[in-house]
Amino acid sequence: MIKTTNERIRELREDKDINQTTVAELLNTSQTVYSRYERGERKIPVDHLITLADYYNTSTDYILGRTNEKNPYPKAK
């Protein structure tokens, strides 16, 4: 079963053992907004999605639930 985006970002955050406030600061947003991402109440903007993928060293496709492969794609040159 492929997990939803909100499940993936919560799981990635918990795997790093960090709180929502830390991730919200990384995204330059509030903890409340980030919490809404994790609950699936608000869609993640593309720039936040890319930042999260880079931070967690994974792909946007993994976060979006389009693949179960956690490894990131090679960077474009």
N, C-alpha and C. Protein backbone atom coordinates (compact mmCIF):
# COMPACT_ATOMS: atom_id res chain seq x y z
N MET A 1 0.84 -1.19 0.00
CA MET A 1 0.00 0.00 0.00
C MET A 1 0.89 1.25 0.00
N ILE A 2 0.61 2.16 -0.89
CA ILE A 2 1.36 3.41 -0.95
C ILE A 2 0.73 4.40 0.02
N LYS A 3 1.58 5.02 0.82
CA LYS A 3 1.11 5.98 1.82
C LYS A 3 0.81 7.32 1.17
N THR A 4 -0.02 8.10 1.86
CA THR A 4 -0.36 9.43 1.38
C THR A 4 0.78 10.41 1.69
N THR A 5 0.72 11.56 1.05
CA THR A 5 1.74 12.59 1.24
C THR A 5 1.85 12.97 2.72
N ASN A 6 0.72 13.20 3.36
CA ASN A 6 0.78 13.60 4.77
C ASN A 6 1.37 12.50 5.65
N GLU A 7 1.08 11.26 5.35
CA GLU A 7 1.69 10.16 6.11
C GLU A 7 3.20 10.11 5.88
N ARG A 8 3.61 10.35 4.64
CA ARG A 8 5.04 10.31 4.32
C ARG A 8 5.81 11.41 5.05
N ILE A 9 5.30 12.65 5.02
CA ILE A 9 6.07 13.72 5.66
C ILE A 9 6.11 13.55 7.17
N ARG A 10 5.06 13.02 7.75
CA ARG A 10 5.07 12.75 9.20
C ARG A 10 6.09 11.66 9.51
N GLU A 11 6.08 10.60 8.73
CA GLU A 11 7.01 9.48 8.94
C GLU A 11 8.46 9.93 8.77
N LEU A 12 8.74 10.71 7.74
CA LEU A 12 10.10 11.21 7.51
C LEU A 12 10.56 12.08 8.68
N ARG A 13 9.67 12.94 9.17
CA ARG A 13 10.01 13.81 10.30
C ARG A 13 10.28 13.00 11.55
N GLU A 14 9.42 12.03 11.83
CA GLU A 14 9.59 11.20 13.02
C GLU A 14 10.84 10.34 12.93
N ASP A 15 11.18 9.87 11.74
CA ASP A 15 12.40 9.08 11.56
C ASP A 15 13.64 9.89 11.90
N LYS A 16 13.59 11.20 11.67
CA LYS A 16 14.71 12.09 12.01
C LYS A 16 14.64 12.55 13.46
N ASP A 17 13.54 12.19 14.15
CA ASP A 17 13.34 12.55 15.55
C ASP A 17 13.37 14.07 15.76
N ILE A 18 12.64 14.77 14.89
CA ILE A 18 12.53 16.22 15.03
C ILE A 18 11.06 16.61 15.18
N ASN A 19 10.82 17.79 15.70
CA ASN A 19 9.44 18.21 15.91
C ASN A 19 8.94 19.06 14.73
N GLN A 20 7.64 19.32 14.74
CA GLN A 20 7.03 20.08 13.65
C GLN A 20 7.57 21.50 13.58
N THR A 21 7.89 22.09 14.72
CA THR A 21 8.40 23.46 14.74
C THR A 21 9.72 23.55 13.98
N THR A 22 10.58 22.56 14.13
CA THR A 22 11.86 22.55 13.43
C THR A 22 11.65 22.51 11.92
N VAL A 23 10.74 21.67 11.47
CA VAL A 23 10.47 21.58 10.03
C VAL A 23 9.80 22.86 9.54
N ALA A 24 8.89 23.41 10.33
CA ALA A 24 8.23 24.67 9.95
C ALA A 24 9.26 25.78 9.77
N GLU A 25 10.25 25.84 10.65
CA GLU A 25 11.30 26.85 10.54
C GLU A 25 12.11 26.65 9.26
N LEU A 26 12.39 25.40 8.92
CA LEU A 26 13.11 25.10 7.68
C LEU A 26 12.33 25.63 6.47
N LEU A 27 11.01 25.50 6.53
CA LEU A 27 10.15 25.92 5.42
C LEU A 27 9.76 27.39 5.51
N ASN A 28 10.21 28.05 6.56
CA ASN A 28 9.88 29.46 6.78
C ASN A 28 8.36 29.66 6.84
N THR A 29 7.71 28.79 7.61
CA THR A 29 6.27 28.86 7.81
C THR A 29 5.99 28.61 9.29
N SER A 30 4.74 28.62 9.67
CA SER A 30 4.40 28.40 11.07
C SER A 30 4.20 26.90 11.35
N GLN A 31 4.29 26.55 12.60
CA GLN A 31 4.06 25.17 13.02
C GLN A 31 2.62 24.78 12.69
N THR A 32 1.70 25.72 12.82
CA THR A 32 0.28 25.44 12.54
C THR A 32 0.08 25.06 11.08
N VAL A 33 0.70 25.80 10.18
CA VAL A 33 0.58 25.49 8.74
C VAL A 33 1.20 24.13 8.46
N TYR A 34 2.40 23.88 9.02
CA TYR A 34 3.04 22.59 8.78
C TYR A 34 2.18 21.45 9.33
N SER A 35 1.61 21.65 10.49
CA SER A 35 0.74 20.63 11.08
C SER A 35 -0.42 20.30 10.15
N ARG A 36 -0.93 21.30 9.46
CA ARG A 36 -2.02 21.08 8.50
C ARG A 36 -1.55 20.25 7.31
N TYR A 37 -0.30 20.42 6.92
CA TYR A 37 0.26 19.55 5.87
C TYR A 37 0.23 18.10 6.33
N GLU A 38 0.70 17.88 7.55
CA GLU A 38 0.77 16.50 8.07
C GLU A 38 -0.61 15.88 8.27
N ARG A 39 -1.59 16.68 8.55
CA ARG A 39 -2.95 16.16 8.74
C ARG A 39 -3.71 16.04 7.43
N GLY A 40 -3.10 16.51 6.34
CA GLY A 40 -3.75 16.44 5.03
C GLY A 40 -4.82 17.49 4.85
N GLU A 41 -4.79 18.54 5.67
CA GLU A 41 -5.80 19.60 5.58
C GLU A 41 -5.38 20.71 4.63
N ARG A 42 -4.14 20.70 4.23
CA ARG A 42 -3.62 21.74 3.35
C ARG A 42 -2.60 21.11 2.41
N LYS A 43 -2.65 21.51 1.15
CA LYS A 43 -1.68 20.98 0.17
C LYS A 43 -0.33 21.67 0.35
N ILE A 44 0.73 20.91 0.11
CA ILE A 44 2.08 21.43 0.26
C ILE A 44 2.48 22.17 -1.02
N PRO A 45 2.90 23.43 -0.90
CA PRO A 45 3.38 24.15 -2.09
C PRO A 45 4.62 23.47 -2.66
N VAL A 46 4.81 23.61 -3.96
CA VAL A 46 5.92 22.95 -4.65
C VAL A 46 7.27 23.31 -4.03
N ASP A 47 7.48 24.58 -3.69
CA ASP A 47 8.78 24.95 -3.11
C ASP A 47 9.01 24.28 -1.76
N HIS A 48 7.97 24.08 -0.97
CA HIS A 48 8.11 23.37 0.30
C HIS A 48 8.37 21.88 0.05
N LEU A 49 7.71 21.34 -0.94
CA LEU A 49 7.91 19.93 -1.29
C LEU A 49 9.36 19.67 -1.69
N ILE A 50 9.93 20.54 -2.50
CA ILE A 50 11.32 20.39 -2.93
C ILE A 50 12.26 20.54 -1.74
N THR A 51 11.99 21.50 -0.88
CA THR A 51 12.83 21.69 0.32
C THR A 51 12.80 20.45 1.20
N LEU A 52 11.62 19.88 1.39
CA LEU A 52 11.50 18.67 2.22
C LEU A 52 12.24 17.49 1.59
N ALA A 53 12.10 17.32 0.28
CA ALA A 53 12.80 16.23 -0.40
C ALA A 53 14.31 16.37 -0.24
N ASP A 54 14.82 17.58 -0.40
CA ASP A 54 16.26 17.82 -0.22
C ASP A 54 16.67 17.57 1.23
N TYR A 55 15.89 18.07 2.17
CA TYR A 55 16.22 17.93 3.59
C TYR A 55 16.25 16.45 4.01
N TYR A 56 15.28 15.69 3.55
CA TYR A 56 15.19 14.28 3.92
C TYR A 56 15.97 13.37 2.97
N ASN A 57 16.64 13.96 1.99
CA ASN A 57 17.44 13.21 1.02
C ASN A 57 16.61 12.12 0.34
N THR A 58 15.50 12.53 -0.20
CA THR A 58 14.61 11.63 -0.91
C THR A 58 14.07 12.37 -2.15
N SER A 59 13.14 11.76 -2.84
CA SER A 59 12.57 12.41 -4.04
C SER A 59 11.18 12.97 -3.73
N THR A 60 10.78 13.93 -4.53
CA THR A 60 9.42 14.45 -4.39
C THR A 60 8.40 13.36 -4.71
N ASP A 61 8.74 12.48 -5.64
CA ASP A 61 7.83 11.37 -5.97
C ASP A 61 7.60 10.46 -4.76
N TYR A 62 8.64 10.25 -3.96
CA TYR A 62 8.47 9.43 -2.75
C TYR A 62 7.52 10.14 -1.79
N ILE A 63 7.73 11.42 -1.56
CA ILE A 63 6.87 12.15 -0.64
C ILE A 63 5.43 12.16 -1.14
N LEU A 64 5.25 12.30 -2.45
CA LEU A 64 3.91 12.34 -3.03
C LEU A 64 3.24 10.97 -3.12
N GLY A 65 3.97 9.91 -2.79
CA GLY A 65 3.39 8.57 -2.83
C GLY A 65 3.36 7.97 -4.22
N ARG A 66 4.17 8.51 -5.14
CA ARG A 66 4.20 7.98 -6.51
C ARG A 66 5.16 6.81 -6.64
N THR A 67 6.02 6.62 -5.63
CA THR A 67 6.96 5.50 -5.60
C THR A 67 7.24 5.15 -4.15
N ASN A 68 7.68 3.93 -3.95
CA ASN A 68 8.10 3.51 -2.61
C ASN A 68 9.62 3.55 -2.48
N GLU A 69 10.31 3.97 -3.55
CA GLU A 69 11.77 4.08 -3.55
C GLU A 69 12.17 5.37 -2.84
N LYS A 70 12.84 5.22 -1.69
CA LYS A 70 13.21 6.39 -0.88
C LYS A 70 14.43 7.13 -1.41
N ASN A 71 15.31 6.44 -2.15
CA ASN A 71 16.52 7.08 -2.62
C ASN A 71 16.21 8.20 -3.60
N PRO A 72 16.93 9.33 -3.48
CA PRO A 72 16.68 10.46 -4.37
C PRO A 72 17.19 10.18 -5.78
N TYR A 73 16.68 10.95 -6.72
CA TYR A 73 17.19 10.90 -8.07
C TYR A 73 18.53 11.62 -8.14
N PRO A 74 19.36 11.31 -9.12
CA PRO A 74 20.60 12.08 -9.28
C PRO A 74 20.25 13.54 -9.58
N LYS A 75 21.06 14.45 -9.07
CA LYS A 75 20.85 15.89 -9.28
C LYS A 75 21.15 16.27 -10.72
N ALA A 76 20.37 17.19 -11.26
CA ALA A 76 20.62 17.71 -12.61
C ALA A 76 21.88 18.58 -12.57
N LYS A 77 22.63 18.57 -13.68
CA LYS A 77 23.86 19.36 -13.73
C LYS A 77 23.65 20.65 -14.45
